[in-house]
Amino acid sequence: MKKSAVLIDTARGPIVEDAALHTALSEGWTAGAALDDIEEEPAKQQEFRSSNPLFQLPNVIIAPHAAYYSEESIEYVRRTAAEEAARVLGGHAPRYAVNAVVMDAPMPH
């Protein structure tokens, strides 16, 4: 990454290794980070106290795995899930298959 880059992780916390990110940020390998949770992912728990050094860096923003939230996103997720369930139950292939290669494999009987 360029030294001016900012890492943005809106996925699950364990995708980014916190220790490696801390090193990259502390040593100036990259400019900053915005994380939708940390590697250990318990940030939403009440009374959570982390010793994670990323919380001490001024060039890091950490959300409690809720940065996606808006009324529109909740409505979209619910509608899409219902449409996909109806689609598959109706005998059609899902539009958003995570494991699309499995779709071409023969089904066990």
PDB file of N, CA and C in Angstrom:
ATOM      1  N   MET A   1       0.844  -1.178   0.000  1.00  0.00           N
ATOM      2  CA  MET A   1       0.000   0.000   0.000  1.00  0.00           C
ATOM      3  C   MET A   1       0.884   1.235   0.000  1.00  0.00           C
ATOM      4  N   LYS A   2       0.359   2.293  -0.539  1.00  0.00           N
ATOM      5  CA  LYS A   2       1.064   3.564  -0.469  1.00  0.00           C
ATOM      6  C   LYS A   2       1.054   4.061   0.969  1.00  0.00           C
ATOM      7  N   LYS A   3       2.039   4.851   1.305  1.00  0.00           N
ATOM      8  CA  LYS A   3       2.098   5.402   2.657  1.00  0.00           C
ATOM      9  C   LYS A   3       0.930   6.341   2.938  1.00  0.00           C
ATOM     10  N   SER A   4       0.309   6.862   1.893  1.00  0.00           N
ATOM     11  CA  SER A   4      -0.822   7.778   2.059  1.00  0.00           C
ATOM     12  C   SER A   4      -2.168   7.046   2.106  1.00  0.00           C
ATOM     13  N   ALA A   5      -2.149   5.725   1.968  1.00  0.00           N
ATOM     14  CA  ALA A   5      -3.391   4.937   1.915  1.00  0.00           C
ATOM     15  C   ALA A   5      -4.054   4.850   3.292  1.00  0.00           C
ATOM     16  N   VAL A   6      -5.371   4.703   3.242  1.00  0.00           N
ATOM     17  CA  VAL A   6      -6.155   4.456   4.449  1.00  0.00           C
ATOM     18  C   VAL A   6      -6.882   3.132   4.242  1.00  0.00           C
ATOM     19  N   LEU A   7      -6.683   2.202   5.152  1.00  0.00           N
ATOM     20  CA  LEU A   7      -7.341   0.906   5.092  1.00  0.00           C
ATOM     21  C   LEU A   7      -8.751   1.053   5.648  1.00  0.00           C
ATOM     22  N   ILE A   8      -9.741   0.600   4.890  1.00  0.00           N
ATOM     23  CA  ILE A   8     -11.123   0.616   5.347  1.00  0.00           C
ATOM     24  C   ILE A   8     -11.612  -0.822   5.361  1.00  0.00           C
ATOM     25  N   ASP A   9     -11.986  -1.309   6.536  1.00  0.00           N
ATOM     26  CA  ASP A   9     -12.483  -2.675   6.687  1.00  0.00           C
ATOM     27  C   ASP A   9     -13.896  -2.620   7.248  1.00  0.00           C
ATOM     28  N   THR A  10     -14.877  -2.945   6.403  1.00  0.00           N
ATOM     29  CA  THR A  10     -16.272  -2.970   6.856  1.00  0.00           C
ATOM     30  C   THR A  10     -16.760  -4.409   7.010  1.00  0.00           C
ATOM     31  N   ALA A  11     -15.853  -5.355   6.922  1.00  0.00           N
ATOM     32  CA  ALA A  11     -16.208  -6.773   7.062  1.00  0.00           C
ATOM     33  C   ALA A  11     -16.011  -7.218   8.502  1.00  0.00           C
ATOM     34  N   ARG A  12     -15.829  -8.479   8.697  1.00  0.00           N
ATOM     35  CA  ARG A  12     -15.590  -9.041  10.024  1.00  0.00           C
ATOM     36  C   ARG A  12     -14.217  -8.627  10.532  1.00  0.00           C
ATOM     37  N   GLY A  13     -14.111  -8.429  11.823  1.00  0.00           N
ATOM     38  CA  GLY A  13     -12.866  -8.003  12.435  1.00  0.00           C
ATOM     39  C   GLY A  13     -11.666  -8.879  12.143  1.00  0.00           C
ATOM     40  N   PRO A  14     -11.800 -10.217  12.203  1.00  0.00           N
ATOM     41  CA  PRO A  14     -10.627 -11.083  12.015  1.00  0.00           C
ATOM     42  C   PRO A  14     -10.011 -11.038  10.613  1.00  0.00           C
ATOM     43  N   ILE A  15     -10.620 -10.348   9.686  1.00  0.00           N
ATOM     44  CA  ILE A  15     -10.032 -10.249   8.341  1.00  0.00           C
ATOM     45  C   ILE A  15      -8.718  -9.477   8.384  1.00  0.00           C
ATOM     46  N   VAL A  16      -8.629  -8.519   9.281  1.00  0.00           N
ATOM     47  CA  VAL A  16      -7.409  -7.718   9.421  1.00  0.00           C
ATOM     48  C   VAL A  16      -6.703  -8.139  10.705  1.00  0.00           C
ATOM     49  N   GLU A  17      -5.431  -8.445  10.600  1.00  0.00           N
ATOM     50  CA  GLU A  17      -4.647  -8.813  11.775  1.00  0.00           C
ATOM     51  C   GLU A  17      -4.243  -7.535  12.518  1.00  0.00           C
ATOM     52  N   ASP A  18      -4.779  -7.352  13.698  1.00  0.00           N
ATOM     53  CA  ASP A  18      -4.576  -6.118  14.448  1.00  0.00           C
ATOM     54  C   ASP A  18      -3.103  -5.796  14.699  1.00  0.00           C
ATOM     55  N   ALA A  19      -2.323  -6.785  15.062  1.00  0.00           N
ATOM     56  CA  ALA A  19      -0.905  -6.536  15.357  1.00  0.00           C
ATOM     57  C   ALA A  19      -0.165  -6.025  14.115  1.00  0.00           C
ATOM     58  N   ALA A  20      -0.445  -6.626  12.978  1.00  0.00           N
ATOM     59  CA  ALA A  20       0.201  -6.183  11.737  1.00  0.00           C
ATOM     60  C   ALA A  20      -0.248  -4.774  11.367  1.00  0.00           C
ATOM     61  N   LEU A  21      -1.540  -4.496  11.540  1.00  0.00           N
ATOM     62  CA  LEU A  21      -2.045  -3.157  11.242  1.00  0.00           C
ATOM     63  C   LEU A  21      -1.435  -2.130  12.179  1.00  0.00           C
ATOM     64  N   HIS A  22      -1.311  -2.465  13.448  1.00  0.00           N
ATOM     65  CA  HIS A  22      -0.704  -1.551  14.411  1.00  0.00           C
ATOM     66  C   HIS A  22       0.732  -1.225  14.003  1.00  0.00           C
ATOM     67  N   THR A  23       1.465  -2.232  13.601  1.00  0.00           N
ATOM     68  CA  THR A  23       2.842  -2.013  13.147  1.00  0.00           C
ATOM     69  C   THR A  23       2.868  -1.096  11.929  1.00  0.00           C
ATOM     70  N   ALA A  24       2.012  -1.377  10.954  1.00  0.00           N
ATOM     71  CA  ALA A  24       1.976  -0.571   9.725  1.00  0.00           C
ATOM     72  C   ALA A  24       1.632   0.888  10.019  1.00  0.00           C
ATOM     73  N   LEU A  25       0.693   1.103  10.917  1.00  0.00           N
ATOM     74  CA  LEU A  25       0.284   2.466  11.254  1.00  0.00           C
ATOM     75  C   LEU A  25       1.324   3.173  12.119  1.00  0.00           C
ATOM     76  N   SER A  26       1.872   2.478  13.075  1.00  0.00           N
ATOM     77  CA  SER A  26       2.863   3.066  13.987  1.00  0.00           C
ATOM     78  C   SER A  26       4.165   3.413  13.285  1.00  0.00           C
ATOM     79  N   GLU A  27       4.526   2.585  12.310  1.00  0.00           N
ATOM     80  CA  GLU A  27       5.790   2.801  11.608  1.00  0.00           C
ATOM     81  C   GLU A  27       5.619   3.600  10.321  1.00  0.00           C
ATOM     82  N   GLY A  28       4.407   4.073  10.052  1.00  0.00           N
ATOM     83  CA  GLY A  28       4.177   4.948   8.903  1.00  0.00           C
ATOM     84  C   GLY A  28       4.099   4.250   7.561  1.00  0.00           C
ATOM     85  N   TRP A  29       3.855   2.944   7.569  1.00  0.00           N
ATOM     86  CA  TRP A  29       3.726   2.219   6.301  1.00  0.00           C
ATOM     87  C   TRP A  29       2.436   2.583   5.594  1.00  0.00           C
ATOM     88  N   THR A  30       1.443   3.001   6.359  1.00  0.00           N
ATOM     89  CA  THR A  30       0.162   3.434   5.809  1.00  0.00           C
ATOM     90  C   THR A  30      -0.374   4.554   6.705  1.00  0.00           C
ATOM     91  N   ALA A  31      -1.233   5.403   6.153  1.00  0.00           N
ATOM     92  CA  ALA A  31      -1.634   6.629   6.840  1.00  0.00           C
ATOM     93  C   ALA A  31      -2.684   6.437   7.931  1.00  0.00           C
ATOM     94  N   GLY A  32      -3.612   5.523   7.721  1.00  0.00           N
ATOM     95  CA  GLY A  32      -4.676   5.387   8.708  1.00  0.00           C
ATOM     96  C   GLY A  32      -5.537   4.177   8.444  1.00  0.00           C
ATOM     97  N   ALA A  33      -6.518   3.990   9.330  1.00  0.00           N
ATOM     98  CA  ALA A  33      -7.437   2.864   9.181  1.00  0.00           C
ATOM     99  C   ALA A  33      -8.799   3.241   9.751  1.00  0.00           C
ATOM    100  N   ALA A  34      -9.838   2.707   9.113  1.00  0.00           N
ATOM    101  CA  ALA A  34     -11.209   2.810   9.599  1.00  0.00           C
ATOM    102  C   ALA A  34     -11.734   1.386   9.659  1.00  0.00           C
ATOM    103  N   LEU A  35     -12.070   0.934  10.851  1.00  0.00           N
ATOM    104  CA  LEU A  35     -12.452  -0.464  11.061  1.00  0.00           C
ATOM    105  C   LEU A  35     -13.862  -0.550  11.623  1.00  0.00           C
ATOM    106  N   ASP A  36     -14.638  -1.481  11.097  1.00  0.00           N
ATOM    107  CA  ASP A  36     -15.987  -1.678  11.607  1.00  0.00           C
ATOM    108  C   ASP A  36     -15.992  -2.669  12.760  1.00  0.00           C
ATOM    109  N   ASP A  37     -14.868  -3.035  13.241  1.00  0.00           N
ATOM    110  CA  ASP A  37     -14.667  -3.813  14.459  1.00  0.00           C
ATOM    111  C   ASP A  37     -13.202  -4.208  14.501  1.00  0.00           C
ATOM    112  N   ILE A  38     -12.771  -4.719  15.624  1.00  0.00           N
ATOM    113  CA  ILE A  38     -11.386  -5.162  15.762  1.00  0.00           C
ATOM    114  C   ILE A  38     -11.331  -6.681  15.609  1.00  0.00           C
ATOM    115  N   GLU A  39     -10.138  -7.202  15.586  1.00  0.00           N
ATOM    116  CA  GLU A  39      -9.936  -8.633  15.331  1.00  0.00           C
ATOM    117  C   GLU A  39     -10.701  -9.523  16.310  1.00  0.00           C
ATOM    118  N   GLU A  40     -10.734  -9.164  17.580  1.00  0.00           N
ATOM    119  CA  GLU A  40     -11.393 -10.016  18.574  1.00  0.00           C
ATOM    120  C   GLU A  40     -12.912  -9.886  18.561  1.00  0.00           C
ATOM    121  N   GLU A  41     -13.468  -8.913  17.917  1.00  0.00           N
ATOM    122  CA  GLU A  41     -14.899  -8.688  17.655  1.00  0.00           C
ATOM    123  C   GLU A  41     -15.866  -8.689  18.825  1.00  0.00           C
ATOM    124  N   PRO A  42     -15.483  -8.380  20.032  1.00  0.00           N
ATOM    125  CA  PRO A  42     -16.496  -8.281  21.084  1.00  0.00           C
ATOM    126  C   PRO A  42     -16.852  -6.831  21.414  1.00  0.00           C
ATOM    127  N   ALA A  43     -16.510  -5.901  20.563  1.00  0.00           N
ATOM    128  CA  ALA A  43     -16.640  -4.484  20.898  1.00  0.00           C
ATOM    129  C   ALA A  43     -18.067  -4.046  21.209  1.00  0.00           C
ATOM    130  N   LYS A  44     -19.071  -4.811  20.787  1.00  0.00           N
ATOM    131  CA  LYS A  44     -20.450  -4.438  21.072  1.00  0.00           C
ATOM    132  C   LYS A  44     -20.900  -4.859  22.462  1.00  0.00           C
ATOM    133  N   GLN A  45     -20.110  -5.657  23.144  1.00  0.00           N
ATOM    134  CA  GLN A  45     -20.498  -6.170  24.448  1.00  0.00           C
ATOM    135  C   GLN A  45     -20.460  -5.063  25.496  1.00  0.00           C
ATOM    136  N   GLN A  46     -21.469  -5.061  26.342  1.00  0.00           N
ATOM    137  CA  GLN A  46     -21.524  -4.092  27.420  1.00  0.00           C
ATOM    138  C   GLN A  46     -20.342  -4.327  28.353  1.00  0.00           C
ATOM    139  N   GLU A  47     -19.774  -3.266  28.861  1.00  0.00           N
ATOM    140  CA  GLU A  47     -18.634  -3.332  29.779  1.00  0.00           C
ATOM    141  C   GLU A  47     -17.357  -3.847  29.116  1.00  0.00           C
ATOM    142  N   PHE A  48     -17.306  -3.847  27.781  1.00  0.00           N
ATOM    143  CA  PHE A  48     -16.120  -4.320  27.069  1.00  0.00           C
ATOM    144  C   PHE A  48     -14.946  -3.375  27.322  1.00  0.00           C
ATOM    145  N   ARG A  49     -13.815  -3.926  27.666  1.00  0.00           N
ATOM    146  CA  ARG A  49     -12.576  -3.158  27.835  1.00  0.00           C
ATOM    147  C   ARG A  49     -11.495  -3.883  27.052  1.00  0.00           C
ATOM    148  N   SER A  50     -10.918  -3.201  26.104  1.00  0.00           N
ATOM    149  CA  SER A  50      -9.896  -3.833  25.286  1.00  0.00           C
ATOM    150  C   SER A  50      -8.518  -3.292  25.631  1.00  0.00           C
ATOM    151  N   SER A  51      -7.558  -4.162  25.555  1.00  0.00           N
ATOM    152  CA  SER A  51      -6.164  -3.735  25.701  1.00  0.00           C
ATOM    153  C   SER A  51      -5.521  -3.577  24.332  1.00  0.00           C
ATOM    154  N   ASN A  52      -6.344  -3.640  23.280  1.00  0.00           N
ATOM    155  CA  ASN A  52      -5.853  -3.543  21.910  1.00  0.00           C
ATOM    156  C   ASN A  52      -5.202  -2.170  21.685  1.00  0.00           C
ATOM    157  N   PRO A  53      -3.939  -2.145  21.268  1.00  0.00           N
ATOM    158  CA  PRO A  53      -3.240  -0.870  21.090  1.00  0.00           C
ATOM    159  C   PRO A  53      -3.776  -0.017  19.934  1.00  0.00           C
ATOM    160  N   LEU A  54      -4.588  -0.585  19.058  1.00  0.00           N
ATOM    161  CA  LEU A  54      -5.173   0.218  17.979  1.00  0.00           C
ATOM    162  C   LEU A  54      -6.044   1.340  18.536  1.00  0.00           C
ATOM    163  N   PHE A  55      -6.663   1.122  19.703  1.00  0.00           N
ATOM    164  CA  PHE A  55      -7.511   2.141  20.312  1.00  0.00           C
ATOM    165  C   PHE A  55      -6.719   3.380  20.725  1.00  0.00           C
ATOM    166  N   GLN A  56      -5.425   3.249  20.853  1.00  0.00           N
ATOM    167  CA  GLN A  56      -4.584   4.361  21.294  1.00  0.00           C
ATOM    168  C   GLN A  56      -4.049   5.200  20.141  1.00  0.00           C
ATOM    169  N   LEU A  57      -4.217   4.743  18.905  1.00  0.00           N
ATOM    170  CA  LEU A  57      -3.650   5.459  17.764  1.00  0.00           C
ATOM    171  C   LEU A  57      -4.586   6.572  17.279  1.00  0.00           C
ATOM    172  N   PRO A  58      -4.038   7.740  16.998  1.00  0.00           N
ATOM    173  CA  PRO A  58      -4.875   8.856  16.530  1.00  0.00           C
ATOM    174  C   PRO A  58      -5.323   8.719  15.076  1.00  0.00           C
ATOM    175  N   ASN A  59      -4.720   7.812  14.334  1.00  0.00           N
ATOM    176  CA  ASN A  59      -5.053   7.642  12.917  1.00  0.00           C
ATOM    177  C   ASN A  59      -5.925   6.421  12.658  1.00  0.00           C
ATOM    178  N   VAL A  60      -6.700   6.007  13.682  1.00  0.00           N
ATOM    179  CA  VAL A  60      -7.590   4.859  13.572  1.00  0.00           C
ATOM    180  C   VAL A  60      -8.988   5.244  14.060  1.00  0.00           C
ATOM    181  N   ILE A  61      -9.993   4.843  13.292  1.00  0.00           N
ATOM    182  CA  ILE A  61     -11.394   4.976  13.704  1.00  0.00           C
ATOM    183  C   ILE A  61     -11.936   3.558  13.815  1.00  0.00           C
ATOM    184  N   ILE A  62     -12.564   3.242  14.945  1.00  0.00           N
ATOM    185  CA  ILE A  62     -13.117   1.904  15.160  1.00  0.00           C
ATOM    186  C   ILE A  62     -14.583   2.028  15.542  1.00  0.00           C
ATOM    187  N   ALA A  63     -15.436   1.346  14.794  1.00  0.00           N
ATOM    188  CA  ALA A  63     -16.871   1.328  15.081  1.00  0.00           C
ATOM    189  C   ALA A  63     -17.224  -0.015  15.720  1.00  0.00           C
ATOM    190  N   PRO A  64     -18.334  -0.094  16.464  1.00  0.00           N
ATOM    191  CA  PRO A  64     -18.718  -1.351  17.116  1.00  0.00           C
ATOM    192  C   PRO A  64     -19.472  -2.290  16.182  1.00  0.00           C
ATOM    193  N   HIS A  65     -18.917  -2.535  15.031  1.00  0.00           N
ATOM    194  CA  HIS A  65     -19.495  -3.410  14.004  1.00  0.00           C
ATOM    195  C   HIS A  65     -20.930  -3.013  13.662  1.00  0.00           C
ATOM    196  N   ALA A  66     -21.152  -1.718  13.566  1.00  0.00           N
ATOM    197  CA  ALA A  66     -22.477  -1.201  13.237  1.00  0.00           C
ATOM    198  C   ALA A  66     -22.384  -0.034  12.263  1.00  0.00           C
ATOM    199  N   ALA A  67     -21.256   0.134  11.604  1.00  0.00           N
ATOM    200  CA  ALA A  67     -21.072   1.273  10.707  1.00  0.00           C
ATOM    201  C   ALA A  67     -21.968   1.193   9.465  1.00  0.00           C
ATOM    202  N   TYR A  68     -22.469   0.012   9.176  1.00  0.00           N
ATOM    203  CA  TYR A  68     -23.358  -0.164   8.027  1.00  0.00           C
ATOM    204  C   TYR A  68     -24.743   0.415   8.287  1.00  0.00           C
ATOM    205  N   TYR A  69     -25.099   0.643   9.536  1.00  0.00           N
ATOM    206  CA  TYR A  69     -26.487   0.863   9.914  1.00  0.00           C
ATOM    207  C   TYR A  69     -27.103   2.140   9.358  1.00  0.00           C
ATOM    208  N   SER A  70     -28.266   1.968   8.785  1.00  0.00           N
ATOM    209  CA  SER A  70     -29.193   3.050   8.445  1.00  0.00           C
ATOM    210  C   SER A  70     -30.554   2.386   8.298  1.00  0.00           C
ATOM    211  N   GLU A  71     -31.612   3.135   8.398  1.00  0.00           N
ATOM    212  CA  GLU A  71     -32.950   2.566   8.210  1.00  0.00           C
ATOM    213  C   GLU A  71     -33.063   1.957   6.810  1.00  0.00           C
ATOM    214  N   GLU A  72     -32.457   2.607   5.815  1.00  0.00           N
ATOM    215  CA  GLU A  72     -32.494   2.112   4.442  1.00  0.00           C
ATOM    216  C   GLU A  72     -31.757   0.788   4.303  1.00  0.00           C
ATOM    217  N   SER A  73     -30.598   0.657   4.970  1.00  0.00           N
ATOM    218  CA  SER A  73     -29.840  -0.594   4.843  1.00  0.00           C
ATOM    219  C   SER A  73     -30.576  -1.752   5.509  1.00  0.00           C
ATOM    220  N   ILE A  74     -31.219  -1.505   6.627  1.00  0.00           N
ATOM    221  CA  ILE A  74     -31.973  -2.570   7.303  1.00  0.00           C
ATOM    222  C   ILE A  74     -33.127  -3.023   6.411  1.00  0.00           C
ATOM    223  N   GLU A  75     -33.832  -2.083   5.838  1.00  0.00           N
ATOM    224  CA  GLU A  75     -34.955  -2.430   4.958  1.00  0.00           C
ATOM    225  C   GLU A  75     -34.465  -3.197   3.724  1.00  0.00           C
ATOM    226  N   TYR A  76     -33.339  -2.774   3.153  1.00  0.00           N
ATOM    227  CA  TYR A  76     -32.775  -3.442   1.977  1.00  0.00           C
ATOM    228  C   TYR A  76     -32.360  -4.879   2.311  1.00  0.00           C
ATOM    229  N   VAL A  77     -31.677  -5.072   3.443  1.00  0.00           N
ATOM    230  CA  VAL A  77     -31.222  -6.410   3.828  1.00  0.00           C
ATOM    231  C   VAL A  77     -32.407  -7.341   4.043  1.00  0.00           C
ATOM    232  N   ARG A  78     -33.414  -6.862   4.726  1.00  0.00           N
ATOM    233  CA  ARG A  78     -34.595  -7.696   4.983  1.00  0.00           C
ATOM    234  C   ARG A  78     -35.321  -8.048   3.692  1.00  0.00           C
ATOM    235  N   ARG A  79     -35.499  -7.072   2.830  1.00  0.00           N
ATOM    236  CA  ARG A  79     -36.196  -7.315   1.561  1.00  0.00           C
ATOM    237  C   ARG A  79     -35.403  -8.285   0.689  1.00  0.00           C
ATOM    238  N   THR A  80     -34.100  -8.074   0.582  1.00  0.00           N
ATOM    239  CA  THR A  80     -33.265  -8.937  -0.253  1.00  0.00           C
ATOM    240  C   THR A  80     -33.250 -10.366   0.273  1.00  0.00           C
ATOM    241  N   ALA A  81     -33.155 -10.540   1.592  1.00  0.00           N
ATOM    242  CA  ALA A  81     -33.161 -11.888   2.177  1.00  0.00           C
ATOM    243  C   ALA A  81     -34.481 -12.592   1.881  1.00  0.00           C
ATOM    244  N   ALA A  82     -35.584 -11.887   2.030  1.00  0.00           N
ATOM    245  CA  ALA A  82     -36.901 -12.490   1.760  1.00  0.00           C
ATOM    246  C   ALA A  82     -37.046 -12.841   0.283  1.00  0.00           C
ATOM    247  N   GLU A  83     -36.619 -11.955  -0.598  1.00  0.00           N
ATOM    248  CA  GLU A  83     -36.702 -12.228  -2.039  1.00  0.00           C
ATOM    249  C   GLU A  83     -35.842 -13.420  -2.428  1.00  0.00           C
ATOM    250  N   GLU A  84     -34.650 -13.516  -1.855  1.00  0.00           N
ATOM    251  CA  GLU A  84     -33.753 -14.635  -2.170  1.00  0.00           C
ATOM    252  C   GLU A  84     -34.322 -15.949  -1.648  1.00  0.00           C
ATOM    253  N   ALA A  85     -34.887 -15.941  -0.447  1.00  0.00           N
ATOM    254  CA  ALA A  85     -35.494 -17.160   0.094  1.00  0.00           C
ATOM    255  C   ALA A  85     -36.641 -17.612  -0.793  1.00  0.00           C
ATOM    256  N   ALA A  86     -37.507 -16.682  -1.192  1.00  0.00           N
ATOM    257  CA  ALA A  86     -38.636 -17.022  -2.071  1.00  0.00           C
ATOM    258  C   ALA A  86     -38.127 -17.538  -3.412  1.00  0.00           C
ATOM    259  N   ARG A  87     -37.079 -16.939  -3.912  1.00  0.00           N
ATOM    260  CA  ARG A  87     -36.498 -17.343  -5.196  1.00  0.00           C
ATOM    261  C   ARG A  87     -35.997 -18.787  -5.143  1.00  0.00           C
ATOM    262  N   VAL A  88     -35.226 -19.128  -4.109  1.00  0.00           N
ATOM    263  CA  VAL A  88     -34.672 -20.476  -3.981  1.00  0.00           C
ATOM    264  C   VAL A  88     -35.781 -21.492  -3.705  1.00  0.00           C
ATOM    265  N   LEU A  89     -36.708 -21.140  -2.826  1.00  0.00           N
ATOM    266  CA  LEU A  89     -37.821 -22.054  -2.550  1.00  0.00           C
ATOM    267  C   LEU A  89     -38.699 -22.271  -3.776  1.00  0.00           C
ATOM    268  N   GLY A  90     -38.673 -21.332  -4.703  1.00  0.00           N
ATOM    269  CA  GLY A  90     -39.415 -21.465  -5.956  1.00  0.00           C
ATOM    270  C   GLY A  90     -38.652 -22.232  -7.022  1.00  0.00           C
ATOM    271  N   GLY A  91     -37.478 -22.756  -6.665  1.00  0.00           N
ATOM    272  CA  GLY A  91     -36.720 -23.578  -7.600  1.00  0.00           C
ATOM    273  C   GLY A  91     -35.735 -22.821  -8.467  1.00  0.00           C
ATOM    274  N   HIS A  92     -35.507 -21.562  -8.186  1.00  0.00           N
ATOM    275  CA  HIS A  92     -34.567 -20.756  -8.974  1.00  0.00           C
ATOM    276  C   HIS A  92     -33.222 -20.641  -8.245  1.00  0.00           C
ATOM    277  N   ALA A  93     -32.198 -20.383  -9.008  1.00  0.00           N
ATOM    278  CA  ALA A  93     -30.872 -20.190  -8.419  1.00  0.00           C
ATOM    279  C   ALA A  93     -30.832 -18.845  -7.698  1.00  0.00           C
ATOM    280  N   PRO A  94     -30.114 -18.781  -6.607  1.00  0.00           N
ATOM    281  CA  PRO A  94     -29.989 -17.497  -5.911  1.00  0.00           C
ATOM    282  C   PRO A  94     -29.192 -16.502  -6.744  1.00  0.00           C
ATOM    283  N   ARG A  95     -29.517 -15.239  -6.617  1.00  0.00           N
ATOM    284  CA  ARG A  95     -28.773 -14.201  -7.340  1.00  0.00           C
ATOM    285  C   ARG A  95     -27.449 -13.886  -6.668  1.00  0.00           C
ATOM    286  N   TYR A  96     -27.361 -14.105  -5.370  1.00  0.00           N
ATOM    287  CA  TYR A  96     -26.179 -13.694  -4.620  1.00  0.00           C
ATOM    288  C   TYR A  96     -25.536 -14.875  -3.896  1.00  0.00           C
ATOM    289  N   ALA A  97     -25.261 -15.932  -4.617  1.00  0.00           N
ATOM    290  CA  ALA A  97     -24.668 -17.125  -4.008  1.00  0.00           C
ATOM    291  C   ALA A  97     -23.237 -16.842  -3.570  1.00  0.00           C
ATOM    292  N   VAL A  98     -22.935 -17.126  -2.330  1.00  0.00           N
ATOM    293  CA  VAL A  98     -21.589 -16.936  -1.811  1.00  0.00           C
ATOM    294  C   VAL A  98     -20.669 -18.022  -2.356  1.00  0.00           C
ATOM    295  N   ASN A  99     -21.200 -19.228  -2.492  1.00  0.00           N
ATOM    296  CA  ASN A  99     -20.417 -20.357  -2.964  1.00  0.00           C
ATOM    297  C   ASN A  99     -20.932 -20.796  -4.341  1.00  0.00           C
ATOM    298  N   ALA A 100     -20.863 -19.911  -5.317  1.00  0.00           N
ATOM    299  CA  ALA A 100     -21.435 -20.143  -6.643  1.00  0.00           C
ATOM    300  C   ALA A 100     -20.910 -21.418  -7.313  1.00  0.00           C
ATOM    301  N   VAL A 101     -19.682 -21.832  -7.030  1.00  0.00           N
ATOM    302  CA  VAL A 101     -19.155 -23.047  -7.661  1.00  0.00           C
ATOM    303  C   VAL A 101     -19.959 -24.266  -7.259  1.00  0.00           C
ATOM    304  N   VAL A 102     -20.557 -24.228  -6.086  1.00  0.00           N
ATOM    305  CA  VAL A 102     -21.370 -25.359  -5.634  1.00  0.00           C
ATOM    306  C   VAL A 102     -22.637 -25.473  -6.480  1.00  0.00           C
ATOM    307  N   MET A 103     -23.091 -24.389  -7.028  1.00  0.00           N
ATOM    308  CA  MET A 103     -24.326 -24.393  -7.812  1.00  0.00           C
ATOM    309  C   MET A 103     -24.204 -25.305  -9.035  1.00  0.00           C
ATOM    310  N   ASP A 104     -23.006 -25.459  -9.568  1.00  0.00           N
ATOM    311  CA  ASP A 104     -22.806 -26.292 -10.753  1.00  0.00           C
ATOM    312  C   ASP A 104     -22.527 -27.760 -10.415  1.00  0.00           C
ATOM    313  N   ALA A 105     -22.295 -28.046  -9.140  1.00  0.00           N
ATOM    314  CA  ALA A 105     -21.988 -29.415  -8.722  1.00  0.00           C
ATOM    315  C   ALA A 105     -23.274 -30.227  -8.633  1.00  0.00           C
ATOM    316  N   PRO A 106     -23.206 -31.524  -8.939  1.00  0.00           N
ATOM    317  CA  PRO A 106     -24.402 -32.354  -8.807  1.00  0.00           C
ATOM    318  C   PRO A 106     -24.838 -32.454  -7.344  1.00  0.00           C
ATOM    319  N   MET A 107     -26.109 -32.423  -7.107  1.00  0.00           N
ATOM    320  CA  MET A 107     -26.652 -32.509  -5.751  1.00  0.00           C
ATOM    321  C   MET A 107     -26.680 -33.970  -5.314  1.00  0.00           C
ATOM    322  N   PRO A 108     -26.257 -34.253  -4.066  1.00  0.00           N
ATOM    323  CA  PRO A 108     -26.341 -35.621  -3.549  1.00  0.00           C
ATOM    324  C   PRO A 108     -27.806 -36.015  -3.334  1.00  0.00           C
ATOM    325  N   HIS A 109     -28.095 -37.280  -3.489  1.00  0.00           N
ATOM    326  CA  HIS A 109     -29.479 -37.754  -3.307  1.00  0.00           C
ATOM    327  C   HIS A 109     -29.622 -38.547  -2.070  1.00  0.00           C
TER     328      HIS A 109
END
